[in-house]
Amino acid sequence: MILALLIIPIWLEERRISDHLKTILKTIAIGVCIIFCMTFPIHTTGGFIFDLRQVAIWIGGLYGGAFSAIFLSIVTVIYRIIIGGTEGIIVTMIITAIQVIICFFFYQKFQTYLSVKNRIVTITLLSVGTTILTIAFSGIWIVDEYQLSHIISTYFPAQPLAAFLGAYITETIQKHSELRRRIIRAEKMEVVGHLAASISHEVRNPLTVSRGFMQLLLQSERMNYKDKQYIQIAIEEIDRAEAIITDYLTFAKPAPEHVEKLNVKTEIERVIDILRPLANMNSIEIQASLAPFAVKGERPKFQQCLLNVMKNAIEAMPHGGILRINVSIDKDYVLIHISDTGIGMTKEQIERLGEPYFTTKGTKGTGLGMMVVYRIVETMKGDLFIHSEVGHGTDVYMYFPSYYKSDIEKSSKRHQFEQVSY
């Protein structure tokens, strides 16, 4: 179990391979772990053997997905048939089928909506359930009370304990892996921030002068229509460069200069008004469920943060769709949930969001928009989580500390069913 859950993931962390291939290799490692567990079991009469294979299936299926659960169940059943024992094979097939069904339908909720603590507790409780079922089925064929009591006293505590330790090890490795990615990203961001702060002002000054002279040329009566067109294009490109520099400056100096109380509902409504023409042009319906909670921040930067996220959502729906914005309270934080029904993203793309120059828009994007979003959320002492599936849209969860604690106390009951925990 330790080989599959600890050593292999740590070894894979240092390898530059896709997450999909890592999941496959981890699943194979857990499959090997199951074979070892079943090769060295606790033997009883009547063809029964007891081991920790169910723990491996729970962890592999709930962390790896439906493919992992099906693969591990096939390995378990085939190897159990090779070992022999009719009654034991029947019990194995029934329990394994139950595990696969639960993993298949519960995987998404397990990964998306459960906290680390709840995931560990869930795997432990599921292991307790299958342990009880296994002992109950075994009691049908095992009539020796001493042997049955021996199974209960050893197998019953061993499996849930192994499940708890296995889930804890898995979560700890994932936590350190995520922390490592954040440190690498923070180092990249720091370098970009220093560069942006040092060159942005120097670049902006000559651009401003160039734009001014082009505007003067544009007003000249001596210019023909074609020349004016070229000058207008040049001005538009200078404006585009100015916008990119502004993004860099926002990233390089994100600290709020004029902190004030912001009404989340009012600010979102303003951003929606700005984006409504773009949404209408793309046949996108905007559905908003807003509440007037307050946060602390700088108005222009908060609006820019919302604008970048919502604009990305609209551009992710080129053939129309629905943009939903919901505001609620989650513990001590105001939660802004923005979701779309667009093209979605892969896990690898989500992990790279916020990196300089990384964009999912091809030549149409610069990658600076989400980079600025992450930095603004960070400076407002908030948190940002993204969940997305290719072809099923994207959900963005932004958490900001509430301005008034009384907001939470007054609205906790009214919003208790809207909470999303991570």
Protein backbone atom coordinates (compact mmCIF):
# COMPACT_ATOMS: atom_id res chain seq x y z
CA MET A 1 0.00 0.00 0.00
CA ILE A 2 2.81 2.40 0.92
CA LEU A 3 4.61 1.57 -2.33
CA ALA A 4 1.56 2.53 -4.39
CA LEU A 5 0.35 5.53 -2.36
CA LEU A 6 3.60 7.15 -1.24
CA ILE A 7 6.68 6.14 -3.19
CA ILE A 8 5.19 6.06 -6.71
CA PRO A 9 3.41 9.50 -6.49
CA ILE A 10 6.58 11.13 -5.12
CA TRP A 11 8.62 9.58 -7.93
CA LEU A 12 6.10 10.72 -10.56
CA GLU A 13 6.06 14.28 -9.17
CA GLU A 14 9.59 14.84 -10.46
CA ARG A 15 8.72 13.59 -13.96
CA ARG A 16 7.54 15.96 -16.69
CA ILE A 17 4.57 13.96 -17.91
CA SER A 18 0.88 14.76 -18.24
CA ASP A 19 -1.52 14.37 -15.33
CA HIS A 20 -3.51 11.83 -17.37
CA LEU A 21 -0.43 9.60 -17.76
CA LYS A 22 0.38 10.04 -14.05
CA THR A 23 -3.14 8.85 -13.16
CA ILE A 24 -2.69 5.76 -15.38
CA LEU A 25 0.68 4.92 -13.81
CA LYS A 26 -0.68 5.41 -10.28
CA THR A 27 -3.62 3.14 -11.12
CA ILE A 28 -1.28 0.44 -12.42
CA ALA A 29 0.81 0.77 -9.24
CA ILE A 30 -2.32 0.33 -7.09
CA GLY A 31 -3.24 -2.70 -9.23
CA VAL A 32 0.14 -4.24 -8.43
CA CYS A 33 -0.47 -3.35 -4.77
CA ILE A 34 -3.79 -5.27 -4.87
CA ILE A 35 -2.04 -8.33 -6.29
CA PHE A 36 0.56 -8.23 -3.50
CA CYS A 37 -2.20 -7.80 -0.87
CA MET A 38 -4.05 -10.84 -2.22
CA THR A 39 -0.85 -12.88 -2.53
CA PHE A 40 -0.09 -12.50 1.18
CA PRO A 41 -3.52 -12.53 2.89
CA ILE A 42 -4.97 -13.87 6.12
CA HIS A 43 -6.23 -17.38 5.27
CA THR A 44 -9.37 -19.01 6.67
CA THR A 45 -11.08 -22.28 5.87
CA GLY A 46 -13.75 -22.45 3.21
CA GLY A 47 -11.73 -20.58 0.59
CA PHE A 48 -11.88 -17.19 2.32
CA ILE A 49 -8.93 -14.81 2.38
CA PHE A 50 -8.87 -11.37 3.95
CA ASP A 51 -6.63 -8.49 2.94
CA LEU A 52 -6.64 -4.73 2.24
CA ARG A 53 -7.61 -4.84 -1.44
CA GLN A 54 -10.85 -2.89 -0.79
CA VAL A 55 -8.86 0.05 0.60
CA ALA A 56 -6.78 0.18 -2.58
CA ILE A 57 -9.93 0.18 -4.75
CA TRP A 58 -11.53 2.98 -2.69
CA ILE A 59 -8.47 5.20 -2.93
CA GLY A 60 -7.73 4.37 -6.56
CA GLY A 61 -11.36 4.81 -7.67
CA LEU A 62 -12.18 8.00 -5.76
CA TYR A 63 -8.92 9.77 -6.58
CA GLY A 64 -8.39 8.33 -10.06
CA GLY A 65 -11.95 8.20 -11.43
CA ALA A 66 -14.18 5.65 -13.13
CA PHE A 67 -11.40 4.23 -15.34
CA SER A 68 -9.24 3.49 -12.30
CA ALA A 69 -12.14 1.90 -10.38
CA ILE A 70 -13.07 -0.40 -13.31
CA PHE A 71 -9.44 -1.40 -13.97
CA LEU A 72 -8.77 -2.18 -10.31
CA SER A 73 -12.00 -4.16 -9.96
CA ILE A 74 -11.11 -6.28 -13.01
CA VAL A 75 -7.63 -6.96 -11.59
CA THR A 76 -9.17 -7.92 -8.23
CA VAL A 77 -11.80 -10.29 -9.63
CA ILE A 78 -9.48 -12.01 -12.11
CA TYR A 79 -6.74 -12.58 -9.54
CA ARG A 80 -9.31 -13.79 -6.99
CA ILE A 81 -10.59 -16.34 -9.50
CA ILE A 82 -7.00 -17.51 -10.08
CA ILE A 83 -6.55 -18.01 -6.34
CA GLY A 84 -9.78 -20.04 -6.15
CA GLY A 85 -12.53 -20.61 -3.57
CA THR A 86 -16.12 -20.33 -4.80
CA GLU A 87 -17.63 -18.54 -1.79
CA GLY A 88 -14.75 -16.08 -1.58
CA ILE A 89 -15.05 -15.27 -5.29
CA ILE A 90 -18.78 -14.54 -4.91
CA VAL A 91 -18.16 -12.18 -1.97
CA THR A 92 -15.33 -10.45 -3.90
CA MET A 93 -17.52 -9.91 -6.99
CA ILE A 94 -20.42 -8.47 -4.97
CA ILE A 95 -18.28 -6.08 -2.88
CA THR A 96 -16.18 -4.99 -5.87
CA ALA A 97 -19.31 -4.25 -7.94
CA ILE A 98 -20.66 -2.06 -5.11
CA GLN A 99 -17.34 -0.18 -4.94
CA VAL A 100 -17.25 0.47 -8.69
CA ILE A 101 -20.84 1.79 -8.73
CA ILE A 102 -20.18 4.15 -5.80
CA CYS A 103 -16.91 5.40 -7.32
CA PHE A 104 -18.58 5.95 -10.70
CA PHE A 105 -21.40 8.11 -9.36
CA PHE A 106 -19.61 9.76 -6.42
CA TYR A 107 -16.23 10.63 -7.98
CA GLN A 108 -17.12 14.15 -9.21
CA LYS A 109 -18.68 15.21 -5.90
CA PHE A 110 -15.80 13.67 -3.97
CA GLN A 111 -13.20 15.61 -5.97
CA THR A 112 -15.06 18.91 -6.34
CA TYR A 113 -17.17 19.60 -3.29
CA LEU A 114 -15.57 17.77 -0.36
CA SER A 115 -12.85 19.31 1.80
CA VAL A 116 -9.64 17.42 2.61
CA LYS A 117 -10.99 16.40 6.02
CA ASN A 118 -14.30 15.23 4.54
CA ARG A 119 -12.54 13.19 1.86
CA ILE A 120 -10.49 11.32 4.46
CA VAL A 121 -13.59 10.72 6.61
CA THR A 122 -15.60 9.58 3.56
CA ILE A 123 -13.04 6.96 2.50
CA THR A 124 -12.77 5.71 6.09
CA LEU A 125 -16.57 5.38 6.43
CA LEU A 126 -16.91 3.68 3.04
CA SER A 127 -14.23 1.22 4.13
CA VAL A 128 -16.15 0.54 7.35
CA GLY A 129 -19.26 -0.14 5.25
CA THR A 130 -17.59 -2.65 2.92
CA THR A 131 -15.87 -4.29 5.89
CA ILE A 132 -19.24 -4.88 7.57
CA LEU A 133 -20.71 -6.22 4.31
CA THR A 134 -17.75 -8.57 3.82
CA ILE A 135 -18.04 -9.96 7.35
CA ALA A 136 -21.82 -10.29 6.97
CA PHE A 137 -21.48 -12.25 3.71
CA SER A 138 -18.70 -14.37 5.20
CA GLY A 139 -20.93 -15.24 8.16
CA ILE A 140 -23.28 -17.01 5.77
CA TRP A 141 -20.64 -19.65 4.97
CA ILE A 142 -18.40 -19.59 8.06
CA VAL A 143 -20.12 -21.46 10.91
CA ASP A 144 -17.15 -21.67 13.25
CA GLU A 145 -17.81 -18.93 15.83
CA TYR A 146 -14.18 -18.78 16.96
CA GLN A 147 -13.00 -18.28 13.39
CA LEU A 148 -15.66 -15.61 12.75
CA SER A 149 -14.76 -13.75 15.93
CA HIS A 150 -11.10 -13.90 14.92
CA ILE A 151 -11.97 -12.31 11.55
CA ILE A 152 -14.03 -9.58 13.22
CA SER A 153 -11.33 -8.76 15.77
CA THR A 154 -8.53 -8.48 13.17
CA TYR A 155 -10.10 -7.54 9.83
CA PHE A 156 -12.70 -5.07 11.12
CA PRO A 157 -10.27 -2.58 12.77
CA ALA A 158 -7.44 -3.14 10.27
CA GLN A 159 -9.25 -2.12 7.08
CA PRO A 160 -10.74 1.26 8.24
CA LEU A 161 -7.40 2.15 9.85
CA ALA A 162 -5.57 1.36 6.60
CA ALA A 163 -8.16 3.41 4.67
CA PHE A 164 -7.65 6.39 6.98
CA LEU A 165 -3.86 6.21 6.68
CA GLY A 166 -4.00 5.69 2.91
CA ALA A 167 -6.32 8.68 2.37
CA TYR A 168 -4.21 10.82 4.71
CA ILE A 169 -1.01 9.95 2.83
CA THR A 170 -2.68 10.69 -0.52
CA GLU A 171 -4.03 14.06 0.65
CA THR A 172 -0.67 15.03 2.18
CA ILE A 173 1.17 14.27 -1.06
CA GLN A 174 -1.39 16.24 -3.08
CA LYS A 175 -1.14 19.15 -0.65
CA HIS A 176 2.66 19.29 -0.92
CA SER A 177 2.45 18.92 -4.70
CA GLU A 178 0.05 21.86 -4.92
CA LEU A 179 2.25 23.89 -2.56
CA ARG A 180 5.27 23.19 -4.77
CA ARG A 181 3.37 24.35 -7.86
CA ARG A 182 2.32 27.54 -6.07
CA ILE A 183 5.89 28.29 -5.01
CA ILE A 184 7.13 27.83 -8.59
CA ARG A 185 4.32 30.06 -9.86
CA ALA A 186 5.06 32.70 -7.19
CA GLU A 187 8.73 32.77 -8.22
CA LYS A 188 7.75 33.29 -11.86
CA MET A 189 5.29 36.01 -10.89
CA GLU A 190 7.91 37.81 -8.82
CA VAL A 191 10.32 37.92 -11.77
CA VAL A 192 7.61 39.22 -14.08
CA GLY A 193 6.55 41.77 -11.49
CA HIS A 194 10.07 43.21 -11.18
CA LEU A 195 10.44 43.39 -14.96
CA ALA A 196 7.04 44.99 -15.39
CA ALA A 197 7.72 47.64 -12.74
CA SER A 198 11.09 48.52 -14.24
CA ILE A 199 10.16 48.85 -17.93
CA SER A 200 6.45 49.70 -18.11
CA HIS A 201 6.82 53.41 -17.35
CA GLU A 202 9.75 53.75 -19.75
CA VAL A 203 7.79 52.11 -22.57
CA ARG A 204 4.56 54.01 -21.91
CA ASN A 205 6.15 57.47 -22.25
CA PRO A 206 7.31 57.14 -25.88
CA LEU A 207 4.03 55.45 -26.80
CA THR A 208 2.09 58.42 -25.42
CA VAL A 209 4.21 60.87 -27.42
CA SER A 210 3.85 58.78 -30.60
CA ARG A 211 0.08 58.62 -30.19
CA GLY A 212 -0.13 62.38 -29.73
CA PHE A 213 1.74 63.12 -32.96
CA MET A 214 -0.37 60.56 -34.86
CA GLN A 215 -3.53 62.26 -33.68
CA LEU A 216 -2.19 65.57 -34.96
CA LEU A 217 -1.43 63.97 -38.33
CA LEU A 218 -4.93 62.50 -38.40
CA GLN A 219 -6.41 65.99 -38.10
CA SER A 220 -4.33 67.36 -40.95
CA GLU A 221 -6.25 68.26 -44.13
CA ARG A 222 -3.26 67.34 -46.30
CA MET A 223 -3.61 63.65 -45.47
CA ASN A 224 -5.52 61.48 -47.94
CA TYR A 225 -8.12 58.91 -46.88
CA LYS A 226 -5.79 55.90 -47.21
CA ASP A 227 -3.04 57.51 -45.12
CA LYS A 228 -5.58 58.38 -42.40
CA GLN A 229 -6.68 54.75 -42.34
CA TYR A 230 -3.10 53.61 -41.75
CA ILE A 231 -2.63 56.16 -38.99
CA GLN A 232 -5.90 55.07 -37.33
CA ILE A 233 -4.71 51.45 -37.33
CA ALA A 234 -1.40 52.55 -35.79
CA ILE A 235 -3.27 54.45 -33.04
CA GLU A 236 -5.42 51.42 -32.28
CA GLU A 237 -2.32 49.23 -31.95
CA ILE A 238 -0.71 51.79 -29.63
CA ASP A 239 -3.89 51.73 -27.52
CA ARG A 240 -3.66 47.95 -27.42
CA ALA A 241 -0.04 48.15 -26.26
CA GLU A 242 -1.12 50.69 -23.60
CA ALA A 243 -3.75 48.24 -22.34
CA ILE A 244 -1.15 45.48 -22.04
CA ILE A 245 1.19 47.80 -20.15
CA THR A 246 -1.66 48.76 -17.83
CA ASP A 247 -2.18 45.06 -17.08
CA TYR A 248 1.53 44.74 -16.33
CA LEU A 249 1.46 47.74 -14.02
CA THR A 250 -1.57 46.36 -12.20
CA PHE A 251 0.30 43.10 -11.75
CA ALA A 252 3.56 44.76 -10.69
CA LYS A 253 1.92 47.15 -8.20
CA PRO A 254 -1.27 45.44 -7.07
CA ALA A 255 -1.40 46.92 -3.56
CA PRO A 256 -4.63 48.95 -3.23
CA GLU A 257 -3.99 52.67 -2.96
CA HIS A 258 -7.51 53.80 -2.03
CA VAL A 259 -9.15 51.01 -0.03
CA GLU A 260 -12.88 51.46 0.50
CA LYS A 261 -16.07 49.56 1.22
CA LEU A 262 -17.37 47.96 -1.97
CA ASN A 263 -20.92 46.76 -2.52
CA VAL A 264 -20.45 43.50 -4.44
CA LYS A 265 -23.90 43.64 -6.02
CA THR A 266 -23.41 47.19 -7.30
CA GLU A 267 -19.95 46.47 -8.74
CA ILE A 268 -21.09 43.29 -10.51
CA GLU A 269 -24.09 45.12 -12.01
CA ARG A 270 -21.74 47.78 -13.41
CA VAL A 271 -19.53 45.13 -15.00
CA ILE A 272 -22.58 43.35 -16.44
CA ASP A 273 -23.72 46.64 -18.03
CA ILE A 274 -20.29 47.00 -19.66
CA LEU A 275 -20.30 43.43 -20.98
CA ARG A 276 -23.96 43.20 -22.01
CA PRO A 277 -23.37 44.37 -25.63
CA LEU A 278 -20.61 41.72 -26.02
CA ALA A 279 -22.92 39.08 -24.49
CA ASN A 280 -25.79 40.03 -26.81
CA MET A 281 -23.48 39.91 -29.81
CA ASN A 282 -22.53 36.32 -28.87
CA SER A 283 -26.14 35.24 -28.06
CA ILE A 284 -25.32 34.77 -24.38
CA GLU A 285 -27.92 35.04 -21.64
CA ILE A 286 -26.75 36.54 -18.33
CA GLN A 287 -28.41 35.20 -15.18
CA ALA A 288 -27.51 36.98 -11.95
CA SER A 289 -28.47 36.16 -8.37
CA LEU A 290 -26.83 38.94 -6.37
CA ALA A 291 -26.79 40.02 -2.73
CA PRO A 292 -25.53 43.39 -1.38
CA PHE A 293 -22.62 42.06 0.67
CA ALA A 294 -19.62 44.31 1.23
CA VAL A 295 -15.90 43.66 0.76
CA LYS A 296 -12.82 45.82 1.21
CA GLY A 297 -10.74 46.84 -1.80
CA GLU A 298 -9.98 49.32 -4.56
CA ARG A 299 -12.94 49.84 -6.89
CA PRO A 300 -11.14 50.02 -10.30
CA LYS A 301 -9.06 46.90 -9.59
CA PHE A 302 -12.02 44.95 -8.22
CA GLN A 303 -14.02 45.83 -11.33
CA GLN A 304 -11.09 44.84 -13.54
CA CYS A 305 -10.88 41.48 -11.76
CA LEU A 306 -14.60 40.79 -12.34
CA LEU A 307 -14.44 42.11 -15.91
CA ASN A 308 -11.54 39.82 -16.87
CA VAL A 309 -13.22 36.70 -15.47
CA MET A 310 -16.66 37.43 -16.97
CA LYS A 311 -15.19 38.44 -20.34
CA ASN A 312 -13.25 35.16 -20.45
CA ALA A 313 -16.49 33.29 -19.71
CA ILE A 314 -18.29 35.06 -22.58
CA GLU A 315 -15.44 34.41 -25.02
CA ALA A 316 -15.51 30.72 -24.01
CA MET A 317 -19.05 30.50 -25.46
CA PRO A 318 -18.59 31.38 -29.16
CA HIS A 319 -21.89 29.73 -30.12
CA GLY A 320 -24.01 31.17 -27.30
CA GLY A 321 -24.81 29.93 -23.84
CA ILE A 322 -25.60 31.04 -20.29
CA LEU A 323 -23.41 33.12 -17.99
CA ARG A 324 -24.42 32.76 -14.33
CA ILE A 325 -23.24 35.02 -11.53
CA ASN A 326 -24.17 34.19 -7.95
CA VAL A 327 -23.20 35.95 -4.71
CA SER A 328 -23.51 34.23 -1.33
CA ILE A 329 -21.83 33.89 2.06
CA ASP A 330 -19.49 31.02 2.93
CA LYS A 331 -18.35 31.23 6.56
CA ASP A 332 -16.35 34.50 6.89
CA TYR A 333 -16.13 35.10 3.16
CA VAL A 334 -18.23 36.57 0.38
CA LEU A 335 -18.38 34.00 -2.42
CA ILE A 336 -18.70 35.16 -6.03
CA HIS A 337 -19.50 32.18 -8.24
CA ILE A 338 -19.21 32.80 -12.01
CA SER A 339 -20.04 29.90 -14.32
CA ASP A 340 -20.44 29.44 -18.07
CA THR A 341 -21.59 26.70 -20.43
CA GLY A 342 -18.63 27.08 -22.75
CA ILE A 343 -15.88 24.89 -24.15
CA GLY A 344 -14.23 24.25 -20.78
CA MET A 345 -10.59 23.49 -20.00
CA THR A 346 -8.41 20.51 -19.21
CA LYS A 347 -6.78 20.03 -15.81
CA GLU A 348 -3.39 20.93 -17.32
CA GLN A 349 -4.78 24.22 -18.68
CA ILE A 350 -6.33 25.12 -15.31
CA GLU A 351 -3.00 24.57 -13.56
CA ARG A 352 -1.28 26.97 -15.96
CA LEU A 353 -3.84 29.76 -15.67
CA GLY A 354 -2.22 32.91 -14.36
CA GLU A 355 1.16 32.17 -15.90
CA PRO A 356 2.61 34.95 -18.07
CA TYR A 357 1.72 34.57 -21.75
CA PHE A 358 -0.31 31.39 -21.24
CA THR A 359 -3.72 31.67 -22.89
CA THR A 360 -6.42 29.31 -24.16
CA LYS A 361 -7.51 31.85 -26.82
CA GLY A 362 -4.67 31.26 -29.25
CA THR A 363 -3.47 34.42 -31.00
CA LYS A 364 -6.41 36.43 -29.61
CA GLY A 365 -5.15 36.40 -26.01
CA THR A 366 -2.05 37.54 -24.13
CA GLY A 367 -2.47 35.56 -20.92
CA LEU A 368 -2.21 38.73 -18.84
CA GLY A 369 -5.91 38.91 -17.90
CA MET A 370 -5.95 35.93 -15.54
CA MET A 371 -2.48 36.82 -14.29
CA VAL A 372 -3.92 40.15 -13.12
CA VAL A 373 -7.01 38.42 -11.67
CA TYR A 374 -4.91 36.13 -9.48
CA ARG A 375 -2.80 39.03 -8.22
CA ILE A 376 -5.82 41.26 -7.42
CA VAL A 377 -7.58 38.44 -5.55
CA GLU A 378 -4.37 37.76 -3.64
CA THR A 379 -3.94 41.42 -2.62
CA MET A 380 -7.56 41.57 -1.44
CA LYS A 381 -6.69 38.59 0.83
CA GLY A 382 -9.08 36.39 -1.09
CA ASP A 383 -8.88 33.00 -2.76
CA LEU A 384 -9.71 31.73 -6.23
CA PHE A 385 -10.70 28.20 -7.27
CA ILE A 386 -11.50 26.99 -10.78
CA HIS A 387 -13.32 23.83 -11.80
CA SER A 388 -13.77 23.01 -15.46
CA GLU A 389 -14.55 20.12 -17.80
CA VAL A 390 -13.98 20.10 -21.53
CA GLY A 391 -17.33 20.57 -23.25
CA HIS A 392 -19.19 21.25 -19.98
CA GLY A 393 -18.14 24.78 -19.07
CA THR A 394 -16.15 26.41 -16.28
CA ASP A 395 -16.92 27.44 -12.69
CA VAL A 396 -14.89 30.18 -11.02
CA TYR A 397 -15.20 30.61 -7.24
CA MET A 398 -13.79 33.84 -5.77
CA TYR A 399 -13.71 34.23 -1.99
CA PHE A 400 -13.22 37.68 -0.42
CA PRO A 401 -13.22 38.52 3.31
CA SER A 402 -16.52 40.11 4.31
CA TYR A 403 -16.34 43.81 5.25
CA TYR A 404 -18.81 43.38 8.10
CA LYS A 405 -19.01 40.30 10.27
CA SER A 406 -22.65 41.15 10.93
CA ASP A 407 -23.37 40.51 7.24
CA ILE A 408 -22.58 36.86 7.87
CA GLU A 409 -24.62 36.59 11.05
CA LYS A 410 -27.71 38.10 9.43
CA SER A 411 -27.50 36.01 6.27
CA SER A 412 -26.09 32.66 7.44
CA LYS A 413 -29.50 30.96 7.59
CA ARG A 414 -30.73 32.48 4.34
CA HIS A 415 -27.69 31.24 2.41
CA GLN A 416 -26.93 27.99 4.18
CA PHE A 417 -27.90 25.90 1.14
CA GLU A 418 -25.73 27.94 -1.25
CA GLN A 419 -22.41 27.22 0.44
CA VAL A 420 -19.59 25.65 -1.54
CA SER A 421 -16.64 24.30 0.46
CA TYR A 422 -13.11 23.52 -0.73
